[in-house]
PDB file of all heavy atoms in Angstrom:
ATOM      1  N   VAL A   1     -31.909  16.659 -50.229  1.00  0.00           N
ATOM      2  CA  VAL A   1     -32.685  17.204 -49.115  1.00  0.00           C
ATOM      3  C   VAL A   1     -32.228  16.617 -47.785  1.00  0.00           C
ATOM      4  O   VAL A   1     -31.682  15.511 -47.736  1.00  0.00           O
ATOM      5  CB  VAL A   1     -34.188  16.928 -49.299  1.00  0.00           C
ATOM      6  CG1 VAL A   1     -34.683  17.482 -50.628  1.00  0.00           C
ATOM      7  CG2 VAL A   1     -34.503  15.435 -49.201  1.00  0.00           C
ATOM      8  N   GLU A   2     -32.484  17.356 -46.705  1.00  0.00           N
ATOM      9  CA  GLU A   2     -32.149  16.856 -45.368  1.00  0.00           C
ATOM     10  C   GLU A   2     -33.212  15.880 -44.879  1.00  0.00           C
ATOM     11  O   GLU A   2     -32.905  14.797 -44.397  1.00  0.00           O
ATOM     12  CB  GLU A   2     -32.000  18.025 -44.397  1.00  0.00           C
ATOM     13  CG  GLU A   2     -31.493  17.584 -43.017  1.00  0.00           C
ATOM     14  CD  GLU A   2     -31.214  18.761 -42.092  1.00  0.00           C
ATOM     15  OE1 GLU A   2     -31.337  19.919 -42.542  1.00  0.00           O
ATOM     16  OE2 GLU A   2     -30.869  18.516 -40.928  1.00  0.00           O
ATOM     17  N   GLN A   3     -34.474  16.282 -45.007  1.00  0.00           N
ATOM     18  CA  GLN A   3     -35.590  15.438 -44.581  1.00  0.00           C
ATOM     19  C   GLN A   3     -36.608  15.352 -45.720  1.00  0.00           C
ATOM     20  O   GLN A   3     -37.121  16.378 -46.174  1.00  0.00           O
ATOM     21  CB  GLN A   3     -36.260  16.002 -43.322  1.00  0.00           C
ATOM     22  CG  GLN A   3     -35.359  16.058 -42.103  1.00  0.00           C
ATOM     23  CD  GLN A   3     -34.993  14.674 -41.584  1.00  0.00           C
ATOM     24  OE1 GLN A   3     -35.698  13.702 -41.832  1.00  0.00           O
ATOM     25  NE2 GLN A   3     -33.876  14.587 -40.852  1.00  0.00           N
ATOM     26  N   LEU A   4     -36.903  14.144 -46.151  1.00  0.00           N
ATOM     27  CA  LEU A   4     -37.820  13.940 -47.271  1.00  0.00           C
ATOM     28  C   LEU A   4     -39.201  14.533 -46.992  1.00  0.00           C
ATOM     29  O   LEU A   4     -39.799  15.203 -47.845  1.00  0.00           O
ATOM     30  CB  LEU A   4     -37.944  12.449 -47.579  1.00  0.00           C
ATOM     31  CG  LEU A   4     -38.920  12.064 -48.693  1.00  0.00           C
ATOM     32  CD1 LEU A   4     -38.547  12.739 -49.997  1.00  0.00           C
ATOM     33  CD2 LEU A   4     -38.964  10.541 -48.856  1.00  0.00           C
ATOM     34  N   ARG A   5     -39.713  14.320 -45.790  1.00  0.00           N
ATOM     35  CA  ARG A   5     -41.055  14.787 -45.457  1.00  0.00           C
ATOM     36  C   ARG A   5     -41.160  16.309 -45.568  1.00  0.00           C
ATOM     37  O   ARG A   5     -42.122  16.834 -46.132  1.00  0.00           O
ATOM     38  CB  ARG A   5     -41.414  14.335 -44.037  1.00  0.00           C
ATOM     39  CG  ARG A   5     -42.818  14.716 -43.608  1.00  0.00           C
ATOM     40  CD  ARG A   5     -43.092  14.207 -42.195  1.00  0.00           C
ATOM     41  NE  ARG A   5     -44.401  14.607 -41.727  1.00  0.00           N
ATOM     42  CZ  ARG A   5     -44.858  14.362 -40.519  1.00  0.00           C
ATOM     43  NH1 ARG A   5     -44.099  13.716 -39.634  1.00  0.00           N
ATOM     44  NH2 ARG A   5     -46.072  14.749 -40.162  1.00  0.00           N
ATOM     45  N   THR A   6     -40.157  17.017 -45.024  1.00  0.00           N
ATOM     46  CA  THR A   6     -40.163  18.480 -45.076  1.00  0.00           C
ATOM     47  C   THR A   6     -40.058  18.975 -46.513  1.00  0.00           C
ATOM     48  O   THR A   6     -40.730  19.938 -46.900  1.00  0.00           O
ATOM     49  CB  THR A   6     -38.993  19.051 -44.256  1.00  0.00           C
ATOM     50  OG1 THR A   6     -39.025  18.480 -42.950  1.00  0.00           O
ATOM     51  CG2 THR A   6     -39.081  20.560 -44.143  1.00  0.00           C
ATOM     52  N   ALA A   7     -39.224  18.317 -47.309  1.00  0.00           N
ATOM     53  CA  ALA A   7     -39.038  18.714 -48.707  1.00  0.00           C
ATOM     54  C   ALA A   7     -40.329  18.546 -49.495  1.00  0.00           C
ATOM     55  O   ALA A   7     -40.733  19.439 -50.262  1.00  0.00           O
ATOM     56  CB  ALA A   7     -37.921  17.883 -49.327  1.00  0.00           C
ATOM     57  N   ARG A   8     -40.989  17.414 -49.316  1.00  0.00           N
ATOM     58  CA  ARG A   8     -42.250  17.168 -50.015  1.00  0.00           C
ATOM     59  C   ARG A   8     -43.317  18.191 -49.600  1.00  0.00           C
ATOM     60  O   ARG A   8     -44.093  18.670 -50.434  1.00  0.00           O
ATOM     61  CB  ARG A   8     -42.735  15.748 -49.730  1.00  0.00           C
ATOM     62  CG  ARG A   8     -41.868  14.666 -50.363  1.00  0.00           C
ATOM     63  CD  ARG A   8     -42.273  13.284 -49.865  1.00  0.00           C
ATOM     64  NE  ARG A   8     -43.594  12.915 -50.329  1.00  0.00           N
ATOM     65  CZ  ARG A   8     -43.844  12.165 -51.397  1.00  0.00           C
ATOM     66  NH1 ARG A   8     -42.828  11.696 -52.114  1.00  0.00           N
ATOM     67  NH2 ARG A   8     -45.076  11.850 -51.748  1.00  0.00           N
ATOM     68  N   ARG A   9     -43.334  18.543 -48.317  1.00  0.00           N
ATOM     69  CA  ARG A   9     -44.306  19.520 -47.823  1.00  0.00           C
ATOM     70  C   ARG A   9     -44.065  20.883 -48.462  1.00  0.00           C
ATOM     71  O   ARG A   9     -45.007  21.575 -48.864  1.00  0.00           O
ATOM     72  CB  ARG A   9     -44.218  19.617 -46.299  1.00  0.00           C
ATOM     73  CG  ARG A   9     -45.306  20.505 -45.688  1.00  0.00           C
ATOM     74  CD  ARG A   9     -45.107  20.701 -44.193  1.00  0.00           C
ATOM     75  NE  ARG A   9     -45.033  19.435 -43.488  1.00  0.00           N
ATOM     76  CZ  ARG A   9     -44.060  19.068 -42.669  1.00  0.00           C
ATOM     77  NH1 ARG A   9     -43.033  19.884 -42.467  1.00  0.00           N
ATOM     78  NH2 ARG A   9     -44.085  17.909 -42.065  1.00  0.00           N
ATOM     79  N   PHE A  10     -42.783  21.282 -48.557  1.00  0.00           N
ATOM     80  CA  PHE A  10     -42.459  22.569 -49.161  1.00  0.00           C
ATOM     81  C   PHE A  10     -42.848  22.596 -50.640  1.00  0.00           C
ATOM     82  O   PHE A  10     -43.452  23.562 -51.115  1.00  0.00           O
ATOM     83  CB  PHE A  10     -40.963  22.867 -49.022  1.00  0.00           C
ATOM     84  CG  PHE A  10     -40.504  24.057 -49.824  1.00  0.00           C
ATOM     85  CD1 PHE A  10     -40.802  25.343 -49.410  1.00  0.00           C
ATOM     86  CD2 PHE A  10     -39.778  23.884 -50.996  1.00  0.00           C
ATOM     87  CE1 PHE A  10     -40.391  26.446 -50.157  1.00  0.00           C
ATOM     88  CE2 PHE A  10     -39.368  24.980 -51.744  1.00  0.00           C
ATOM     89  CZ  PHE A  10     -39.668  26.264 -51.324  1.00  0.00           C
ATOM     90  N   LEU A  11     -42.525  21.550 -51.364  1.00  0.00           N
ATOM     91  CA  LEU A  11     -42.837  21.511 -52.797  1.00  0.00           C
ATOM     92  C   LEU A  11     -44.339  21.507 -53.041  1.00  0.00           C
ATOM     93  O   LEU A  11     -44.825  22.082 -54.018  1.00  0.00           O
ATOM     94  CB  LEU A  11     -42.159  20.289 -53.433  1.00  0.00           C
ATOM     95  CG  LEU A  11     -40.629  20.372 -53.474  1.00  0.00           C
ATOM     96  CD1 LEU A  11     -40.023  19.021 -53.821  1.00  0.00           C
ATOM     97  CD2 LEU A  11     -40.181  21.437 -54.474  1.00  0.00           C
ATOM     98  N   SER A  12     -45.084  20.878 -52.142  1.00  0.00           N
ATOM     99  CA  SER A  12     -46.550  20.928 -52.239  1.00  0.00           C
ATOM    100  C   SER A  12     -47.044  22.342 -51.974  1.00  0.00           C
ATOM    101  O   SER A  12     -47.971  22.833 -52.632  1.00  0.00           O
ATOM    102  CB  SER A  12     -47.183  19.961 -51.233  1.00  0.00           C
ATOM    103  OG  SER A  12     -46.873  18.626 -51.541  1.00  0.00           O
ATOM    104  N   LYS A  13     -46.405  23.009 -51.025  1.00  0.00           N
ATOM    105  CA  LYS A  13     -46.800  24.367 -50.639  1.00  0.00           C
ATOM    106  C   LYS A  13     -46.618  25.352 -51.785  1.00  0.00           C
ATOM    107  O   LYS A  13     -47.436  26.270 -51.958  1.00  0.00           O
ATOM    108  CB  LYS A  13     -45.976  24.801 -49.420  1.00  0.00           C
ATOM    109  CG  LYS A  13     -46.418  26.102 -48.780  1.00  0.00           C
ATOM    110  CD  LYS A  13     -45.620  26.363 -47.503  1.00  0.00           C
ATOM    111  CE  LYS A  13     -46.081  27.627 -46.798  1.00  0.00           C
ATOM    112  NZ  LYS A  13     -45.333  27.849 -45.536  1.00  0.00           N
ATOM    113  N   ILE A  14     -45.560  25.187 -52.568  1.00  0.00           N
ATOM    114  CA  ILE A  14     -45.327  26.116 -53.676  1.00  0.00           C
ATOM    115  C   ILE A  14     -46.065  25.685 -54.942  1.00  0.00           C
ATOM    116  O   ILE A  14     -45.946  26.314 -55.983  1.00  0.00           O
ATOM    117  CB  ILE A  14     -43.823  26.292 -53.972  1.00  0.00           C
ATOM    118  CG1 ILE A  14     -43.201  24.991 -54.513  1.00  0.00           C
ATOM    119  CG2 ILE A  14     -43.079  26.792 -52.745  1.00  0.00           C
ATOM    120  CD1 ILE A  14     -41.771  25.152 -55.009  1.00  0.00           C
ATOM    121  N   LYS A  15     -46.814  24.582 -54.832  1.00  0.00           N
ATOM    122  CA  LYS A  15     -47.634  24.074 -55.941  1.00  0.00           C
ATOM    123  C   LYS A  15     -46.800  23.752 -57.175  1.00  0.00           C
ATOM    124  O   LYS A  15     -47.092  24.222 -58.291  1.00  0.00           O
ATOM    125  CB  LYS A  15     -48.745  25.078 -56.279  1.00  0.00           C
ATOM    126  CG  LYS A  15     -49.749  25.272 -55.149  1.00  0.00           C
ATOM    127  CD  LYS A  15     -50.831  26.277 -55.533  1.00  0.00           C
ATOM    128  CE  LYS A  15     -51.962  26.312 -54.512  1.00  0.00           C
ATOM    129  NZ  LYS A  15     -51.519  26.624 -53.147  1.00  0.00           N
ATOM    130  N   THR A  16     -45.778  22.946 -56.970  1.00  0.00           N
ATOM    131  CA  THR A  16     -44.961  22.519 -58.100  1.00  0.00           C
ATOM    132  C   THR A  16     -45.809  21.745 -59.100  1.00  0.00           C
ATOM    133  O   THR A  16     -46.641  20.917 -58.709  1.00  0.00           O
ATOM    134  CB  THR A  16     -43.775  21.654 -57.621  1.00  0.00           C
ATOM    135  OG1 THR A  16     -43.041  21.206 -58.759  1.00  0.00           O
ATOM    136  CG2 THR A  16     -44.260  20.453 -56.823  1.00  0.00           C
ATOM    137  N   PRO A  17     -45.651  22.019 -60.407  1.00  0.00           N
ATOM    138  CA  PRO A  17     -46.473  21.334 -61.411  1.00  0.00           C
ATOM    139  C   PRO A  17     -46.053  19.890 -61.651  1.00  0.00           C
ATOM    140  O   PRO A  17     -46.808  19.098 -62.222  1.00  0.00           O
ATOM    141  CB  PRO A  17     -46.258  22.182 -62.669  1.00  0.00           C
ATOM    142  CG  PRO A  17     -44.896  22.792 -62.481  1.00  0.00           C
ATOM    143  CD  PRO A  17     -44.770  23.037 -61.005  1.00  0.00           C
ATOM    144  N   ILE A  18     -44.850  19.536 -61.209  1.00  0.00           N
ATOM    145  CA  ILE A  18     -44.354  18.164 -61.393  1.00  0.00           C
ATOM    146  C   ILE A  18     -44.871  17.301 -60.244  1.00  0.00           C
ATOM    147  O   ILE A  18     -44.698  17.670 -59.076  1.00  0.00           O
ATOM    148  CB  ILE A  18     -42.811  18.148 -61.423  1.00  0.00           C
ATOM    149  CG1 ILE A  18     -42.287  19.058 -62.528  1.00  0.00           C
ATOM    150  CG2 ILE A  18     -42.287  16.724 -61.594  1.00  0.00           C
ATOM    151  CD1 ILE A  18     -40.784  19.277 -62.497  1.00  0.00           C
ATOM    152  N   PRO A  19     -45.507  16.170 -60.530  1.00  0.00           N
ATOM    153  CA  PRO A  19     -45.992  15.302 -59.446  1.00  0.00           C
ATOM    154  C   PRO A  19     -44.842  14.912 -58.516  1.00  0.00           C
ATOM    155  O   PRO A  19     -43.780  14.476 -58.982  1.00  0.00           O
ATOM    156  CB  PRO A  19     -46.544  14.079 -60.192  1.00  0.00           C
ATOM    157  CG  PRO A  19     -46.895  14.599 -61.550  1.00  0.00           C
ATOM    158  CD  PRO A  19     -45.854  15.640 -61.859  1.00  0.00           C
ATOM    159  N   ILE A  20     -45.045  15.088 -57.234  1.00  0.00           N
ATOM    160  CA  ILE A  20     -43.978  14.822 -56.267  1.00  0.00           C
ATOM    161  C   ILE A  20     -43.546  13.363 -56.300  1.00  0.00           C
ATOM    162  O   ILE A  20     -42.366  13.044 -56.111  1.00  0.00           O
ATOM    163  CB  ILE A  20     -44.427  15.250 -54.858  1.00  0.00           C
ATOM    164  CG1 ILE A  20     -44.554  16.776 -54.810  1.00  0.00           C
ATOM    165  CG2 ILE A  20     -43.440  14.787 -53.791  1.00  0.00           C
ATOM    166  CD1 ILE A  20     -45.045  17.346 -53.512  1.00  0.00           C
ATOM    167  N   ASP A  21     -44.479  12.462 -56.575  1.00  0.00           N
ATOM    168  CA  ASP A  21     -44.133  11.040 -56.634  1.00  0.00           C
ATOM    169  C   ASP A  21     -43.242  10.711 -57.831  1.00  0.00           C
ATOM    170  O   ASP A  21     -42.648   9.632 -57.892  1.00  0.00           O
ATOM    171  CB  ASP A  21     -45.402  10.183 -56.689  1.00  0.00           C
ATOM    172  CG  ASP A  21     -46.140  10.170 -55.355  1.00  0.00           C
ATOM    173  OD1 ASP A  21     -45.506  10.494 -54.330  1.00  0.00           O
ATOM    174  OD2 ASP A  21     -47.340   9.842 -55.338  1.00  0.00           O
ATOM    175  N   ASP A  22     -43.159  11.636 -58.792  1.00  0.00           N
ATOM    176  CA  ASP A  22     -42.296  11.432 -59.960  1.00  0.00           C
ATOM    177  C   ASP A  22     -40.908  12.036 -59.760  1.00  0.00           C
ATOM    178  O   ASP A  22     -40.048  11.944 -60.647  1.00  0.00           O
ATOM    179  CB  ASP A  22     -42.927  12.061 -61.210  1.00  0.00           C
ATOM    180  CG  ASP A  22     -44.195  11.336 -61.642  1.00  0.00           C
ATOM    181  OD1 ASP A  22     -44.412  10.200 -61.176  1.00  0.00           O
ATOM    182  OD2 ASP A  22     -44.974  11.919 -62.424  1.00  0.00           O
ATOM    183  N   MET A  23     -40.695  12.671 -58.596  1.00  0.00           N
ATOM    184  CA  MET A  23     -39.416  13.324 -58.334  1.00  0.00           C
ATOM    185  C   MET A  23     -38.408  12.359 -57.718  1.00  0.00           C
ATOM    186  O   MET A  23     -38.773  11.321 -57.162  1.00  0.00           O
ATOM    187  CB  MET A  23     -39.617  14.509 -57.379  1.00  0.00           C
ATOM    188  CG  MET A  23     -40.432  15.644 -57.967  1.00  0.00           C
ATOM    189  SD  MET A  23     -40.601  17.021 -56.786  1.00  0.00           S
ATOM    190  CE  MET A  23     -41.442  18.223 -57.818  1.00  0.00           C
ATOM    191  N   THR A  24     -37.143  12.753 -57.805  1.00  0.00           N
ATOM    192  CA  THR A  24     -36.051  11.991 -57.184  1.00  0.00           C
ATOM    193  C   THR A  24     -35.497  12.802 -56.025  1.00  0.00           C
ATOM    194  O   THR A  24     -35.191  13.992 -56.183  1.00  0.00           O
ATOM    195  CB  THR A  24     -34.929  11.711 -58.198  1.00  0.00           C
ATOM    196  OG1 THR A  24     -35.458  10.945 -59.280  1.00  0.00           O
ATOM    197  CG2 THR A  24     -33.790  10.936 -57.542  1.00  0.00           C
ATOM    198  N   PHE A  25     -35.369  12.151 -54.864  1.00  0.00           N
ATOM    199  CA  PHE A  25     -34.831  12.822 -53.679  1.00  0.00           C
ATOM    200  C   PHE A  25     -33.619  12.054 -53.150  1.00  0.00           C
ATOM    201  O   PHE A  25     -33.678  10.828 -52.974  1.00  0.00           O
ATOM    202  CB  PHE A  25     -35.889  12.898 -52.576  1.00  0.00           C
ATOM    203  CG  PHE A  25     -37.077  13.736 -52.928  1.00  0.00           C
ATOM    204  CD1 PHE A  25     -38.221  13.153 -53.455  1.00  0.00           C
ATOM    205  CD2 PHE A  25     -37.054  15.113 -52.741  1.00  0.00           C
ATOM    206  CE1 PHE A  25     -39.330  13.922 -53.780  1.00  0.00           C
ATOM    207  CE2 PHE A  25     -38.156  15.897 -53.064  1.00  0.00           C
ATOM    208  CZ  PHE A  25     -39.295  15.301 -53.588  1.00  0.00           C
ATOM    209  N   PHE A  26     -32.545  12.779 -52.906  1.00  0.00           N
ATOM    210  CA  PHE A  26     -31.343  12.204 -52.303  1.00  0.00           C
ATOM    211  C   PHE A  26     -31.209  12.736 -50.876  1.00  0.00           C
ATOM    212  O   PHE A  26     -31.141  13.949 -50.680  1.00  0.00           O
ATOM    213  CB  PHE A  26     -30.093  12.578 -53.100  1.00  0.00           C
ATOM    214  CG  PHE A  26     -30.075  12.070 -54.514  1.00  0.00           C
ATOM    215  CD1 PHE A  26     -30.167  12.950 -55.584  1.00  0.00           C
ATOM    216  CD2 PHE A  26     -29.966  10.708 -54.777  1.00  0.00           C
ATOM    217  CE1 PHE A  26     -30.142  12.494 -56.891  1.00  0.00           C
ATOM    218  CE2 PHE A  26     -29.941  10.237 -56.082  1.00  0.00           C
ATOM    219  CZ  PHE A  26     -30.031  11.129 -57.143  1.00  0.00           C
ATOM    220  N   PRO A  27     -31.164  11.863 -49.870  1.00  0.00           N
ATOM    221  CA  PRO A  27     -31.070  12.337 -48.478  1.00  0.00           C
ATOM    222  C   PRO A  27     -29.655  12.779 -48.109  1.00  0.00           C
ATOM    223  O   PRO A  27     -28.675  12.126 -48.465  1.00  0.00           O
ATOM    224  CB  PRO A  27     -31.485  11.110 -47.669  1.00  0.00           C
ATOM    225  CG  PRO A  27     -31.070   9.951 -48.527  1.00  0.00           C
ATOM    226  CD  PRO A  27     -31.277  10.401 -49.945  1.00  0.00           C
ATOM    227  N   LEU A  28     -29.560  13.904 -47.413  1.00  0.00           N
ATOM    228  CA  LEU A  28     -28.267  14.394 -46.937  1.00  0.00           C
ATOM    229  C   LEU A  28     -28.426  14.796 -45.473  1.00  0.00           C
ATOM    230  O   LEU A  28     -28.908  15.880 -45.161  1.00  0.00           O
ATOM    231  CB  LEU A  28     -27.798  15.592 -47.762  1.00  0.00           C
ATOM    232  CG  LEU A  28     -26.453  16.198 -47.343  1.00  0.00           C
ATOM    233  CD1 LEU A  28     -25.325  15.194 -47.541  1.00  0.00           C
ATOM    234  CD2 LEU A  28     -26.166  17.476 -48.119  1.00  0.00           C
ATOM    235  N   ASN A  29     -28.068  13.892 -44.576  1.00  0.00           N
ATOM    236  CA  ASN A  29     -28.151  14.156 -43.145  1.00  0.00           C
ATOM    237  C   ASN A  29     -27.082  13.349 -42.420  1.00  0.00           C
ATOM    238  O   ASN A  29     -26.200  12.765 -43.071  1.00  0.00           O
ATOM    239  CB  ASN A  29     -29.558  13.834 -42.610  1.00  0.00           C
ATOM    240  CG  ASN A  29     -30.019  12.444 -43.025  1.00  0.00           C
ATOM    241  OD1 ASN A  29     -29.309  11.456 -42.814  1.00  0.00           O
ATOM    242  ND2 ASN A  29     -31.201  12.351 -43.622  1.00  0.00           N
ATOM    243  N   LYS A  30     -27.139  13.298 -41.110  1.00  0.00           N
ATOM    244  CA  LYS A  30     -26.084  12.637 -40.327  1.00  0.00           C
ATOM    245  C   LYS A  30     -26.004  11.136 -40.579  1.00  0.00           C
ATOM    246  O   LYS A  30     -24.998  10.496 -40.245  1.00  0.00           O
ATOM    247  CB  LYS A  30     -26.285  12.905 -38.837  1.00  0.00           C
ATOM    248  CG  LYS A  30     -27.594  12.378 -38.278  1.00  0.00           C
ATOM    249  CD  LYS A  30     -27.744  12.757 -36.815  1.00  0.00           C
ATOM    250  CE  LYS A  30     -29.057  12.259 -36.225  1.00  0.00           C
ATOM    251  NZ  LYS A  30     -29.214  12.653 -34.804  1.00  0.00           N
ATOM    252  N   HIS A  31     -27.033  10.569 -41.196  1.00  0.00           N
ATOM    253  CA  HIS A  31     -27.030   9.129 -41.471  1.00  0.00           C
ATOM    254  C   HIS A  31     -26.476   8.802 -42.857  1.00  0.00           C
ATOM    255  O   HIS A  31     -26.254   7.637 -43.178  1.00  0.00           O
ATOM    256  CB  HIS A  31     -28.446   8.567 -41.354  1.00  0.00           C
ATOM    257  CG  HIS A  31     -29.093   8.819 -40.014  1.00  0.00           C
ATOM    258  ND1 HIS A  31     -28.617   8.270 -38.843  1.00  0.00           N
ATOM    259  CD2 HIS A  31     -30.163   9.577 -39.674  1.00  0.00           C
ATOM    260  CE1 HIS A  31     -29.371   8.674 -37.839  1.00  0.00           C
ATOM    261  NE2 HIS A  31     -30.312   9.475 -38.310  1.00  0.00           N
ATOM    262  N   THR A  32     -26.259   9.838 -43.685  1.00  0.00           N
ATOM    263  CA  THR A  32     -25.809   9.623 -45.059  1.00  0.00           C
ATOM    264  C   THR A  32     -24.320   9.278 -45.096  1.00  0.00           C
ATOM    265  O   THR A  32     -23.503   9.976 -44.495  1.00  0.00           O
ATOM    266  CB  THR A  32     -26.056  10.881 -45.914  1.00  0.00           C
ATOM    267  OG1 THR A  32     -27.402  11.314 -45.752  1.00  0.00           O
ATOM    268  CG2 THR A  32     -25.800  10.581 -47.380  1.00  0.00           C
ATOM    269  N   GLU A  33     -23.981   8.205 -45.800  1.00  0.00           N
ATOM    270  CA  GLU A  33     -22.574   7.819 -45.944  1.00  0.00           C
ATOM    271  C   GLU A  33     -21.916   8.664 -47.034  1.00  0.00           C
ATOM    272  O   GLU A  33     -22.543   9.023 -48.027  1.00  0.00           O
ATOM    273  CB  GLU A  33     -22.464   6.335 -46.283  1.00  0.00           C
ATOM    274  CG  GLU A  33     -22.936   5.420 -45.168  1.00  0.00           C
ATOM    275  CD  GLU A  33     -22.661   3.950 -45.481  1.00  0.00           C
ATOM    276  OE1 GLU A  33     -21.874   3.688 -46.409  1.00  0.00           O
ATOM    277  OE2 GLU A  33     -23.240   3.089 -44.797  1.00  0.00           O
ATOM    278  N   LEU A  34     -20.639   8.961 -46.820  1.00  0.00           N
ATOM    279  CA  LEU A  34     -19.904   9.835 -47.732  1.00  0.00           C
ATOM    280  C   LEU A  34     -19.907   9.303 -49.167  1.00  0.00           C
ATOM    281  O   LEU A  34     -20.051  10.066 -50.125  1.00  0.00           O
ATOM    282  CB  LEU A  34     -18.463  10.003 -47.239  1.00  0.00           C
ATOM    283  CG  LEU A  34     -17.694  11.211 -47.754  1.00  0.00           C
ATOM    284  CD1 LEU A  34     -18.435  12.503 -47.426  1.00  0.00           C
ATOM    285  CD2 LEU A  34     -16.292  11.243 -47.167  1.00  0.00           C
ATOM    286  N   LYS A  35     -19.795   7.989 -49.316  1.00  0.00           N
ATOM    287  CA  LYS A  35     -19.748   7.419 -50.670  1.00  0.00           C
ATOM    288  C   LYS A  35     -21.066   7.649 -51.409  1.00  0.00           C
ATOM    289  O   LYS A  35     -21.081   7.749 -52.640  1.00  0.00           O
ATOM    290  CB  LYS A  35     -19.419   5.929 -50.604  1.00  0.00           C
ATOM    291  CG  LYS A  35     -20.412   5.074 -49.847  1.00  0.00           C
ATOM    292  CD  LYS A  35     -19.965   3.628 -49.803  1.00  0.00           C
ATOM    293  CE  LYS A  35     -20.962   2.758 -49.019  1.00  0.00           C
ATOM    294  NZ  LYS A  35     -20.500   1.340 -48.962  1.00  0.00           N
ATOM    295  N   GLU A  36     -22.172   7.744 -50.656  1.00  0.00           N
ATOM    296  CA  GLU A  36     -23.458   8.045 -51.276  1.00  0.00           C
ATOM    297  C   GLU A  36     -23.483   9.486 -51.772  1.00  0.00           C
ATOM    298  O   GLU A  36     -23.975   9.773 -52.867  1.00  0.00           O
ATOM    299  CB  GLU A  36     -24.598   7.834 -50.283  1.00  0.00           C
ATOM    300  CG  GLU A  36     -24.847   6.402 -49.873  1.00  0.00           C
ATOM    301  CD  GLU A  36     -26.023   6.319 -48.913  1.00  0.00           C
ATOM    302  OE1 GLU A  36     -27.159   6.568 -49.356  1.00  0.00           O
ATOM    303  OE2 GLU A  36     -25.797   6.029 -47.725  1.00  0.00           O
ATOM    304  N   VAL A  37     -22.968  10.391 -50.953  1.00  0.00           N
ATOM    305  CA  VAL A  37     -22.980  11.814 -51.282  1.00  0.00           C
ATOM    306  C   VAL A  37     -22.291  12.070 -52.615  1.00  0.00           C
ATOM    307  O   VAL A  37     -22.761  12.867 -53.437  1.00  0.00           O
ATOM    308  CB  VAL A  37     -22.296  12.632 -50.164  1.00  0.00           C
ATOM    309  CG1 VAL A  37     -22.133  14.088 -50.581  1.00  0.00           C
ATOM    310  CG2 VAL A  37     -23.113  12.547 -48.875  1.00  0.00           C
ATOM    311  N   TYR A  38     -21.193  11.396 -52.856  1.00  0.00           N
ATOM    312  CA  TYR A  38     -20.437  11.605 -54.082  1.00  0.00           C
ATOM    313  C   TYR A  38     -21.248  11.255 -55.333  1.00  0.00           C
ATOM    314  O   TYR A  38     -20.963  11.756 -56.420  1.00  0.00           O
ATOM    315  CB  TYR A  38     -19.145  10.789 -54.054  1.00  0.00           C
ATOM    316  CG  TYR A  38     -18.140  11.270 -53.023  1.00  0.00           C
ATOM    317  CD1 TYR A  38     -17.304  10.377 -52.376  1.00  0.00           C
ATOM    318  CD2 TYR A  38     -18.034  12.616 -52.689  1.00  0.00           C
ATOM    319  CE1 TYR A  38     -16.376  10.810 -51.414  1.00  0.00           C
ATOM    320  CE2 TYR A  38     -17.123  13.060 -51.746  1.00  0.00           C
ATOM    321  CZ  TYR A  38     -16.300  12.155 -51.116  1.00  0.00           C
ATOM    322  OH  TYR A  38     -15.390  12.590 -50.169  1.00  0.00           O
ATOM    323  N   SER A  39     -22.239  10.391 -55.184  1.00  0.00           N
ATOM    324  CA  SER A  39     -23.037   9.981 -56.347  1.00  0.00           C
ATOM    325  C   SER A  39     -24.201  10.928 -56.624  1.00  0.00           C
ATOM    326  O   SER A  39     -24.823  10.862 -57.681  1.00  0.00           O
ATOM    327  CB  SER A  39     -23.592   8.568 -56.132  1.00  0.00           C
ATOM    328  OG  SER A  39     -24.570   8.561 -55.100  1.00  0.00           O
ATOM    329  N   TYR A  40     -24.494  11.828 -55.693  1.00  0.00           N
ATOM    330  CA  TYR A  40     -25.674  12.672 -55.827  1.00  0.00           C
ATOM    331  C   TYR A  40     -25.585  13.655 -56.991  1.00  0.00           C
ATOM    332  O   TYR A  40     -26.605  14.147 -57.475  1.00  0.00           O
ATOM    333  CB  TYR A  40     -25.919  13.454 -54.534  1.00  0.00           C
ATOM    334  CG  TYR A  40     -26.411  12.615 -53.371  1.00  0.00           C
ATOM    335  CD1 TYR A  40     -26.579  13.181 -52.109  1.00  0.00           C
ATOM    336  CD2 TYR A  40     -26.711  11.266 -53.527  1.00  0.00           C
ATOM    337  CE1 TYR A  40     -27.037  12.426 -51.038  1.00  0.00           C
ATOM    338  CE2 TYR A  40     -27.165  10.504 -52.466  1.00  0.00           C
ATOM    339  CZ  TYR A  40     -27.322  11.090 -51.215  1.00  0.00           C
ATOM    340  OH  TYR A  40     -27.774  10.337 -50.161  1.00  0.00           O
ATOM    341  N   LEU A  41     -24.371  13.975 -57.406  1.00  0.00           N
ATOM    342  CA  LEU A  41     -24.204  14.944 -58.493  1.00  0.00           C
ATOM    343  C   LEU A  41     -24.180  14.290 -59.872  1.00  0.00           C
ATOM    344  O   LEU A  41     -24.042  14.976 -60.884  1.00  0.00           O
ATOM    345  CB  LEU A  41     -22.921  15.753 -58.280  1.00  0.00           C
ATOM    346  CG  LEU A  41     -22.954  16.726 -57.090  1.00  0.00           C
ATOM    347  CD1 LEU A  41     -21.580  17.316 -56.848  1.00  0.00           C
ATOM    348  CD2 LEU A  41     -23.965  17.833 -57.325  1.00  0.00           C
ATOM    349  N   ALA A  42     -24.347  12.977 -59.913  1.00  0.00           N
ATOM    350  CA  ALA A  42     -24.338  12.258 -61.195  1.00  0.00           C
ATOM    351  C   ALA A  42     -25.355  12.828 -62.187  1.00  0.00           C
ATOM    352  O   ALA A  42     -25.023  13.016 -63.371  1.00  0.00           O
ATOM    353  CB  ALA A  42     -24.581  10.768 -60.963  1.00  0.00           C
ATOM    354  N   PRO A  43     -26.600  13.129 -61.759  1.00  0.00           N
ATOM    355  CA  PRO A  43     -27.550  13.706 -62.722  1.00  0.00           C
ATOM    356  C   PRO A  43     -27.061  15.024 -63.317  1.00  0.00           C
ATOM    357  O   PRO A  43     -27.274  15.290 -64.508  1.00  0.00           O
ATOM    358  CB  PRO A  43     -28.818  13.919 -61.880  1.00  0.00           C
ATOM    359  CG  PRO A  43     -28.712  12.918 -60.772  1.00  0.00           C
ATOM    360  CD  PRO A  43     -27.242  12.869 -60.453  1.00  0.00           C
TER     361      PRO A  43
END
């Protein structure tokens, strides 16, 4: 996700059955280092 807050708001809006606090979020924005990005596809 680009912004964690916006992502959590959207998932709450669509009433996801999975508790949001149990989810994993990887940030992707101008502050994200390239080496971090490469690890995001590990799952």
